[in-house]
C-alpha cells in the first residue's frame, strides 16, 4: 500500500515537472508575439536600388555590406541597426509600397526612430503637444505621438500602427487597401 502511494506521489510530481518545462504552468512564459514592441507600417519604398542602397520600406535597415577584401576584422560593414530587432514585410499588390511588421525593444526606442526619421526628412514637430497630438483611434487606446502624426502628414502613403494604439481591424483595413488578401501571419517576427 505504501509503495502504491509512493508511486502515485512520484508520478504526480513527474507530471508537474513535465508540465512546467513545457510552459503549461510556467508563470514566466511569454509568447514571442508579445515580446518587445511591435509596429505595423504601410510604407512607401525608399532607396535608389543601387548597391549599398537597396529599395526597401522606411524604417527597415539596409542589409549589411560584405566586408571589403583586406579590411581589418571588426570593421563596420552595415548601417546602424540600433533599435530594429527584426522585421517581416510584403510588397503591396502594385509593388510601390510595403507592409511591414517591425520589432523594436520598446516604445521609447520606436519614438527615437520616428524622431530620427523626421529629422532626416526635415519634418519639424512643434513643442506644443496639445495642438499636434492627434486623437486616439478608439476610446481606451493611446493616441499616436505628434512625431508620428507629422511624419504621416509629410510622407505620402505612410501609415503607422503601434501595438496598444490601434486594433487588428484598423491594421487589416489599411493593409488590405494595399494588398487585397493580407492576413496576419501565424508566425510572428522573432528578433534577430
Protein backbone atom coordinates (compact mmCIF):
# COMPACT_ATOMS: atom_id res chain seq x y z
CA UNK A 1 0.00 0.00 0.00
CA UNK A 2 2.84 2.38 0.88
CA UNK A 3 4.60 1.59 -2.39
CA UNK A 4 1.43 2.44 -4.38
CA UNK A 5 1.19 5.82 -2.63
CA UNK A 6 4.88 6.44 -3.24
CA UNK A 7 4.47 5.67 -6.96
CA UNK A 8 1.40 7.93 -7.10
CA UNK A 9 3.30 10.82 -5.49
CA UNK A 10 6.31 10.30 -7.77
CA UNK A 11 4.01 10.13 -10.82
CA UNK A 12 2.20 13.34 -9.83
CA UNK A 13 5.50 15.13 -9.17
CA UNK A 14 6.93 13.98 -12.52
CA UNK A 15 3.79 15.17 -14.35
CA UNK A 16 4.02 18.54 -12.63
CA UNK A 17 7.67 18.99 -13.64
CA UNK A 18 6.91 17.94 -17.20
CA UNK A 19 4.04 20.44 -17.47
CA UNK A 20 6.21 23.23 -16.07
CA UNK A 21 9.01 22.52 -18.57
CA UNK A 22 6.53 22.73 -21.46
CA UNK A 23 5.33 26.16 -20.33
CA UNK A 24 1.89 24.93 -19.29
CA UNK A 25 2.15 26.34 -15.78
CA UNK A 26 5.34 28.35 -16.06
CA UNK A 27 4.46 31.89 -14.91
CA UNK A 28 7.45 33.32 -16.80
CA UNK A 29 6.45 32.04 -20.25
CA UNK A 30 5.72 34.85 -22.71
CA UNK A 31 4.67 34.12 -26.30
CA UNK A 32 7.11 35.55 -28.83
CA UNK A 33 4.34 37.65 -30.40
CA UNK A 34 4.02 39.58 -27.14
CA UNK A 35 7.73 40.23 -26.63
CA UNK A 36 9.18 43.63 -27.37
CA UNK A 37 7.30 46.47 -29.06
CA UNK A 38 5.55 45.73 -32.36
CA UNK A 39 4.68 48.25 -35.03
CA UNK A 40 2.85 47.70 -38.33
CA UNK A 41 3.65 50.13 -41.13
CA UNK A 42 2.23 50.71 -44.60
CA UNK A 43 5.31 52.35 -46.08
CA UNK A 44 6.49 53.78 -49.37
CA UNK A 45 9.75 52.31 -50.64
CA UNK A 46 13.00 54.22 -50.09
CA UNK A 47 16.46 53.70 -51.53
CA UNK A 48 17.90 54.06 -55.01
CA UNK A 49 18.13 50.37 -55.81
CA UNK A 50 21.89 50.67 -56.31
CA UNK A 51 24.48 48.58 -54.44
CA UNK A 52 24.68 49.77 -50.85
CA UNK A 53 21.23 51.45 -51.04
CA UNK A 54 18.61 48.83 -51.93
CA UNK A 55 14.93 49.67 -52.31
CA UNK A 56 13.23 48.89 -49.01
CA UNK A 57 10.45 50.21 -46.75
CA UNK A 58 11.07 53.15 -44.42
CA UNK A 59 12.49 52.17 -41.01
CA UNK A 60 13.92 48.91 -42.40
CA UNK A 61 17.72 48.98 -42.33
CA UNK A 62 19.72 48.15 -45.44
CA UNK A 63 21.35 44.72 -45.29
CA UNK A 64 25.00 44.64 -44.23
CA UNK A 65 27.55 45.11 -46.97
CA UNK A 66 30.11 42.35 -47.42
CA UNK A 67 33.48 43.16 -45.89
CA UNK A 68 35.98 44.50 -48.38
CA UNK A 69 38.97 42.33 -49.10
CA UNK A 70 41.78 43.26 -46.77
CA UNK A 71 39.55 45.18 -44.34
CA UNK A 72 40.55 44.69 -40.69
CA UNK A 73 38.42 42.29 -38.66
CA UNK A 74 35.72 44.19 -36.79
CA UNK A 75 35.35 46.89 -39.46
CA UNK A 76 31.71 48.03 -39.53
CA UNK A 77 30.03 46.71 -42.67
CA UNK A 78 26.39 47.70 -42.13
CA UNK A 79 24.27 50.72 -41.48
CA UNK A 80 23.31 51.39 -37.89
CA UNK A 81 20.66 48.87 -36.86
CA UNK A 82 20.20 50.12 -33.33
CA UNK A 83 16.60 49.82 -32.33
CA UNK A 84 15.34 47.43 -35.03
CA UNK A 85 15.43 43.90 -33.67
CA UNK A 86 13.57 42.22 -36.52
CA UNK A 87 11.01 42.72 -39.26
CA UNK A 88 8.96 40.99 -41.91
CA UNK A 89 7.47 42.60 -44.98
CA UNK A 90 5.30 42.01 -48.01
CA UNK A 91 5.11 44.18 -51.10
CA UNK A 92 1.79 45.78 -52.00
CA UNK A 93 -0.17 44.43 -54.96
CA UNK A 94 1.12 47.25 -57.19
CA UNK A 95 4.73 46.94 -55.93
CA UNK A 96 5.06 50.61 -54.95
CA UNK A 97 4.88 50.16 -51.18
CA UNK A 98 5.42 47.57 -48.48
CA UNK A 99 3.52 46.26 -45.49
CA UNK A 100 5.89 45.81 -42.57
CA UNK A 101 5.78 44.31 -39.09
CA UNK A 102 8.65 45.89 -37.19
CA UNK A 103 10.02 44.74 -33.81
CA UNK A 104 11.86 47.21 -31.57
CA UNK A 105 12.95 46.95 -27.96
CA UNK A 106 10.43 49.40 -26.51
CA UNK A 107 8.02 52.22 -27.37
CA UNK A 108 10.73 54.73 -26.39
CA UNK A 109 13.13 53.20 -28.92
CA UNK A 110 10.46 53.44 -31.62
CA UNK A 111 9.84 57.09 -30.77
CA UNK A 112 13.58 57.70 -31.16
CA UNK A 113 13.44 56.02 -34.61
CA UNK A 114 10.49 58.24 -35.55
CA UNK A 115 12.35 61.34 -34.39
CA UNK A 116 15.48 60.36 -36.33
CA UNK A 117 13.39 59.82 -39.50
CA UNK A 118 11.62 63.15 -39.01
CA UNK A 119 14.95 64.93 -38.55
CA UNK A 120 16.45 63.24 -41.63
CA UNK A 121 13.46 64.35 -43.71
CA UNK A 122 13.40 67.88 -42.29
CA UNK A 123 9.98 67.37 -40.70
CA UNK A 124 9.59 69.65 -37.72
CA UNK A 125 7.39 68.78 -34.78
CA UNK A 126 6.11 71.66 -32.70
CA UNK A 127 6.87 71.57 -28.98
CA UNK A 128 3.23 72.47 -28.36
CA UNK A 129 1.96 68.91 -27.97
CA UNK A 130 -1.66 69.86 -27.32
CA UNK A 131 -2.05 71.16 -30.88
CA UNK A 132 -0.08 68.44 -32.69
CA UNK A 133 -1.09 65.29 -30.86
CA UNK A 134 -3.90 63.56 -32.74
CA UNK A 135 -6.87 61.95 -31.03
CA UNK A 136 -6.74 58.21 -30.33
CA UNK A 137 -8.28 55.91 -32.96
CA UNK A 138 -10.55 54.28 -30.34
CA UNK A 139 -11.62 55.10 -26.79
CA UNK A 140 -9.31 53.45 -24.30
CA UNK A 141 -6.30 53.35 -26.64
CA UNK A 142 -3.33 55.70 -26.54
CA UNK A 143 -3.07 58.41 -29.18
CA UNK A 144 -0.29 58.40 -31.79
CA UNK A 145 2.63 60.69 -30.99
CA UNK A 146 3.00 64.15 -32.50
CA UNK A 147 6.10 62.96 -34.36
CA UNK A 148 4.18 60.06 -35.88
CA UNK A 149 1.37 62.38 -36.99
CA UNK A 150 3.86 64.84 -38.51
CA UNK A 151 5.64 62.07 -40.46
CA UNK A 152 2.37 60.58 -41.73
CA UNK A 153 1.36 64.04 -42.94
CA UNK A 154 4.73 64.75 -44.59
CA UNK A 155 5.26 61.35 -46.28
CA UNK A 156 2.52 60.33 -48.73
CA UNK A 157 1.46 56.71 -48.28
CA UNK A 158 2.93 56.30 -44.78
CA UNK A 159 0.60 54.88 -42.13
CA UNK A 160 1.89 53.63 -38.75
CA UNK A 161 0.10 51.43 -36.21
CA UNK A 162 1.64 50.69 -32.80
CA UNK A 163 0.54 47.89 -30.50
CA UNK A 164 -1.71 49.47 -27.89
CA UNK A 165 -2.64 52.37 -30.15
CA UNK A 166 -4.56 50.53 -32.88
CA UNK A 167 -6.68 47.41 -33.20
CA UNK A 168 -6.10 44.45 -35.51
CA UNK A 169 -9.14 45.54 -37.53
CA UNK A 170 -7.60 49.02 -38.07
CA UNK A 171 -4.37 47.46 -39.31
CA UNK A 172 -6.13 44.96 -41.57
CA UNK A 173 -8.39 47.64 -43.05
CA UNK A 174 -5.37 49.78 -44.05
CA UNK A 175 -3.17 46.90 -45.21
CA UNK A 176 -5.94 45.43 -47.37
CA UNK A 177 -6.06 48.72 -49.28
CA UNK A 178 -2.54 47.82 -50.46
CA UNK A 179 -2.71 44.01 -50.58
CA UNK A 180 -6.19 42.57 -51.03
CA UNK A 181 -5.56 39.20 -49.38
CA UNK A 182 -3.37 40.39 -46.47
CA UNK A 183 -3.65 38.39 -43.23
CA UNK A 184 -1.54 38.36 -40.12
CA UNK A 185 0.95 35.52 -40.34
CA UNK A 186 0.62 32.89 -37.68
CA UNK A 187 4.38 33.04 -37.18
CA UNK A 188 5.36 36.33 -35.68
CA UNK A 189 8.66 38.13 -36.21
CA UNK A 190 11.41 36.91 -33.96
CA UNK A 191 14.13 39.39 -33.01
CA UNK A 192 17.44 38.81 -34.79
